[in-house]
Each structure stands twice: as structure tokens, then as C-alpha cells.
Amino acid sequence: MTVGDPRKRSERPDRKGPLGDPVAFAFLNEVGIIEQLARNRFEAVMPDDLLLSHFTVLNHLVRLGDGRSPADLARAFQLAKGAITNTVGRLATRGLVRVEPDPRDRRGKRIYLTEAGRAAREACIAALGPELDALEKTIGVDALAGALPVLQAVRVKLDRDRDPGAD
């Protein structure tokens, strides 16, 4: 058996999580639980009746740049194009994004963040301030920063596995 053989890995006791599950499963399970808890906390403090789905689109456009198509967003969030179209429509109605024809293909659309959208994203993060402060105080900024490279590497790997062109 080679070192990369999954059968060999699963037989090693040091590769087991607390319940005897593979460490990678235990890790992803913790991430999922954290996501649920964070989602509930986040939605409880979001200003202006924004939904988490609204924030995630605004945050995506800030993080990766705007000018994305609805299909790009649907692929990034692994949602149906109709779901993204609905979310983008709600954001556009509120003036948080603007939807323009694609300059290369007039049939398509491109989504651009407005200054109001950027401000709404910042207001959401500011509303989380006490939660973030408590987390940093309890866990420690250095510990949270130290976990980021592992989380980012997992995100990149999972993203590439679903879409070889994604980053």
C-alpha cells in the first residue's frame, strides 16, 4: 500500500476524531455546526431587515469584485440561477446593487455593487461587533488568525473539487 492509500489512512488510530469518525469528517462537522450557530447570531443582529443571503452576495462582490453575472453567482453559491436572480432583484430594489446589460453579450446581465451596498455590508459587520469582540476575547485573536490558513486551504480544495476553475 502507498502512503496516499485511503484504506491505510482510515486504519490509523491517530486519524480518528472523538467519535471514531475520520478526522476530516469531524473537522467538517464542526465547521457545519459553527456555520449554523454563526448564521443564527448573524441574522439576529443584521440591520435594515437584511437577510443572510443578501449579505453573502454583497460580501462576495466586495471580496471577489463586482461585475459578476447571475450565473457566476449561482455557481459560486451552488444555487439555482432563479434563486440568485430573486436575491439580486431584492438587492437592486433596495439600491444595494445595480444590474446592467453585459457589455459583451447584451442578453446577459452583470451585477455591480453600489456605494449603498458597500455601506450595507459594512453595517452588517459593524452590527456583529459585540459578537466578534466576544469571540476574539474568548478564543484569542492569535488563535483565530492561526486557524485561517487551514480553513482557507480547505475552502480552496473543496471549491476546486466542485469547480476546477474556482478560487
Protein backbone atom coordinates (compact mmCIF):
# COMPACT_ATOMS: atom_id res chain seq x y z
CA MET A 1 0.00 0.00 0.00
CA THR A 2 1.18 3.53 -0.78
CA VAL A 3 1.23 6.35 1.75
CA GLY A 4 -1.68 8.03 -0.05
CA ASP A 5 -3.89 4.95 0.08
CA PRO A 6 -7.14 5.93 1.88
CA ARG A 7 -7.52 2.43 3.35
CA LYS A 8 -4.22 2.85 5.15
CA ARG A 9 -5.22 6.30 6.47
CA SER A 10 -8.59 5.12 7.80
CA GLU A 11 -6.92 2.25 9.71
CA ARG A 12 -4.62 4.57 11.69
CA PRO A 13 -6.00 5.39 15.15
CA ASP A 14 -4.39 8.86 15.09
CA ARG A 15 -6.62 9.71 12.13
CA LYS A 16 -9.85 9.33 14.11
CA GLY A 17 -11.98 12.07 15.60
CA PRO A 18 -13.58 11.98 19.04
CA LEU A 19 -16.38 9.59 17.97
CA GLY A 20 -14.09 7.36 15.94
CA ASP A 21 -15.02 9.13 12.72
CA PRO A 22 -12.31 10.24 10.28
CA VAL A 23 -10.65 13.49 11.38
CA ALA A 24 -11.67 15.23 8.15
CA PHE A 25 -15.32 14.37 8.86
CA ALA A 26 -15.04 15.60 12.45
CA PHE A 27 -13.46 18.83 11.15
CA LEU A 28 -16.19 19.42 8.55
CA ASN A 29 -18.87 18.54 11.09
CA GLU A 30 -17.50 21.22 13.44
CA VAL A 31 -17.42 23.73 10.57
CA GLY A 32 -21.07 22.93 9.79
CA ILE A 33 -22.15 23.39 13.40
CA ILE A 34 -20.20 26.65 13.61
CA GLU A 35 -21.90 27.82 10.40
CA GLN A 36 -25.36 27.16 11.86
CA LEU A 37 -24.56 28.93 15.13
CA ALA A 38 -22.91 31.87 13.35
CA ARG A 39 -25.80 32.17 10.88
CA ASN A 40 -28.33 32.43 13.71
CA ARG A 41 -26.27 35.03 15.58
CA PHE A 42 -25.66 37.00 12.41
CA GLU A 43 -29.31 37.05 11.33
CA ALA A 44 -30.35 38.20 14.81
CA VAL A 45 -28.30 41.41 14.55
CA MET A 46 -28.48 42.28 10.86
CA PRO A 47 -29.66 45.83 10.21
CA ASP A 48 -32.39 47.01 7.85
CA ASP A 49 -34.12 43.62 7.68
CA LEU A 50 -31.32 42.27 5.53
CA LEU A 51 -31.18 38.52 5.17
CA LEU A 52 -28.01 36.49 5.32
CA SER A 53 -28.48 35.63 1.64
CA HIS A 54 -28.36 39.38 0.89
CA PHE A 55 -25.23 39.87 2.95
CA THR A 56 -23.44 36.93 1.35
CA VAL A 57 -23.98 38.36 -2.13
CA LEU A 58 -22.76 41.81 -1.03
CA ASN A 59 -19.77 40.23 0.71
CA HIS A 60 -18.96 38.10 -2.35
CA LEU A 61 -18.97 41.18 -4.58
CA VAL A 62 -16.66 43.03 -2.17
CA ARG A 63 -14.34 40.05 -1.75
CA LEU A 64 -14.03 38.99 -5.39
CA GLY A 65 -15.06 42.13 -7.25
CA ASP A 66 -18.30 43.06 -8.88
CA GLY A 67 -19.39 42.79 -12.49
CA ARG A 68 -20.36 39.14 -11.95
CA SER A 69 -23.17 37.54 -13.89
CA PRO A 70 -26.13 35.87 -12.16
CA ALA A 71 -24.75 32.56 -13.47
CA ASP A 72 -21.37 33.32 -11.84
CA LEU A 73 -23.11 33.99 -8.52
CA ALA A 74 -25.32 30.91 -8.82
CA ARG A 75 -22.23 28.78 -9.43
CA ALA A 76 -20.33 30.37 -6.53
CA PHE A 77 -23.19 29.79 -4.08
CA GLN A 78 -24.24 26.47 -5.64
CA LEU A 79 -27.80 27.72 -6.07
CA ALA A 80 -30.26 27.74 -8.92
CA LYS A 81 -29.98 30.82 -11.13
CA GLY A 82 -33.58 31.70 -10.20
CA ALA A 83 -32.70 31.90 -6.50
CA ILE A 84 -29.82 34.28 -7.24
CA THR A 85 -31.98 36.31 -9.61
CA ASN A 86 -34.52 36.71 -6.80
CA THR A 87 -31.86 37.78 -4.27
CA VAL A 88 -30.21 40.17 -6.74
CA GLY A 89 -33.64 41.64 -7.58
CA ARG A 90 -34.30 42.34 -3.90
CA LEU A 91 -30.87 43.92 -3.53
CA ALA A 92 -31.43 46.04 -6.66
CA THR A 93 -34.84 47.21 -5.39
CA ARG A 94 -33.09 48.43 -2.23
CA GLY A 95 -30.39 50.18 -4.29
CA LEU A 96 -27.62 47.92 -2.94
CA VAL A 97 -26.62 46.59 -6.36
CA ARG A 98 -27.29 47.66 -9.90
CA VAL A 99 -27.97 45.26 -12.72
CA GLU A 100 -26.67 46.23 -16.13
CA PRO A 101 -26.59 44.53 -19.51
CA ASP A 102 -23.43 42.55 -20.16
CA PRO A 103 -21.32 44.78 -22.47
CA ARG A 104 -20.11 41.73 -24.44
CA ASP A 105 -23.44 39.93 -24.63
CA ARG A 106 -26.41 42.29 -24.33
CA ARG A 107 -28.68 39.34 -23.47
CA GLY A 108 -26.74 38.71 -20.26
CA LYS A 109 -26.60 40.78 -17.10
CA ARG A 110 -23.82 41.96 -14.82
CA ILE A 111 -24.20 42.80 -11.13
CA TYR A 112 -22.42 45.81 -9.66
CA LEU A 113 -22.18 46.82 -6.03
CA THR A 114 -23.39 50.35 -5.23
CA GLU A 115 -21.96 52.58 -2.52
CA ALA A 116 -25.14 51.87 -0.55
CA GLY A 117 -24.44 48.13 -0.96
CA ARG A 118 -20.90 48.55 0.28
CA ALA A 119 -22.19 50.57 3.24
CA ALA A 120 -24.83 47.91 4.00
CA ARG A 121 -22.14 45.23 4.10
CA GLU A 122 -20.08 47.34 6.49
CA ALA A 123 -23.17 47.99 8.65
CA CYS A 124 -23.77 44.24 8.90
CA ILE A 125 -20.21 43.63 10.02
CA ALA A 126 -20.44 46.54 12.49
CA ALA A 127 -23.67 45.10 13.91
CA LEU A 128 -21.73 41.91 14.61
CA GLY A 129 -19.11 43.93 16.53
CA PRO A 130 -20.04 42.76 20.03
CA GLU A 131 -20.23 39.12 18.87
CA LEU A 132 -16.86 39.39 17.12
CA ASP A 133 -15.28 41.12 20.11
CA ALA A 134 -16.54 38.40 22.47
CA LEU A 135 -15.23 35.67 20.16
CA GLU A 136 -11.83 37.33 19.88
CA LYS A 137 -11.67 37.82 23.65
CA THR A 138 -12.70 34.22 24.42
CA ILE A 139 -10.74 32.36 21.75
CA GLY A 140 -7.99 34.91 21.12
CA VAL A 141 -7.13 36.87 18.01
CA ASP A 142 -3.93 34.90 17.50
CA ALA A 143 -5.75 31.55 17.70
CA LEU A 144 -8.41 32.72 15.24
CA ALA A 145 -5.76 34.11 12.88
CA GLY A 146 -3.82 30.86 13.19
CA ALA A 147 -6.88 28.86 12.11
CA LEU A 148 -7.43 30.95 8.97
CA PRO A 149 -4.80 29.28 6.75
CA VAL A 150 -6.25 25.82 7.44
CA LEU A 151 -9.81 26.99 6.81
CA GLN A 152 -8.77 28.80 3.63
CA ALA A 153 -6.90 25.74 2.37
CA VAL A 154 -9.97 23.56 3.00
CA ARG A 155 -12.20 26.11 1.21
CA VAL A 156 -9.87 26.26 -1.79
CA LYS A 157 -9.62 22.47 -2.02
CA LEU A 158 -13.38 21.92 -1.78
CA ASP A 159 -14.04 24.76 -4.23
CA ARG A 160 -11.58 23.37 -6.77
CA ASP A 161 -13.05 19.88 -6.42
CA ARG A 162 -16.50 21.18 -7.37
CA ASP A 163 -15.30 23.64 -9.99
CA PRO A 164 -11.73 23.30 -11.32
CA GLY A 165 -11.71 26.97 -12.36
CA ALA A 166 -12.76 28.34 -8.96
CA ASP A 167 -10.61 30.09 -6.37
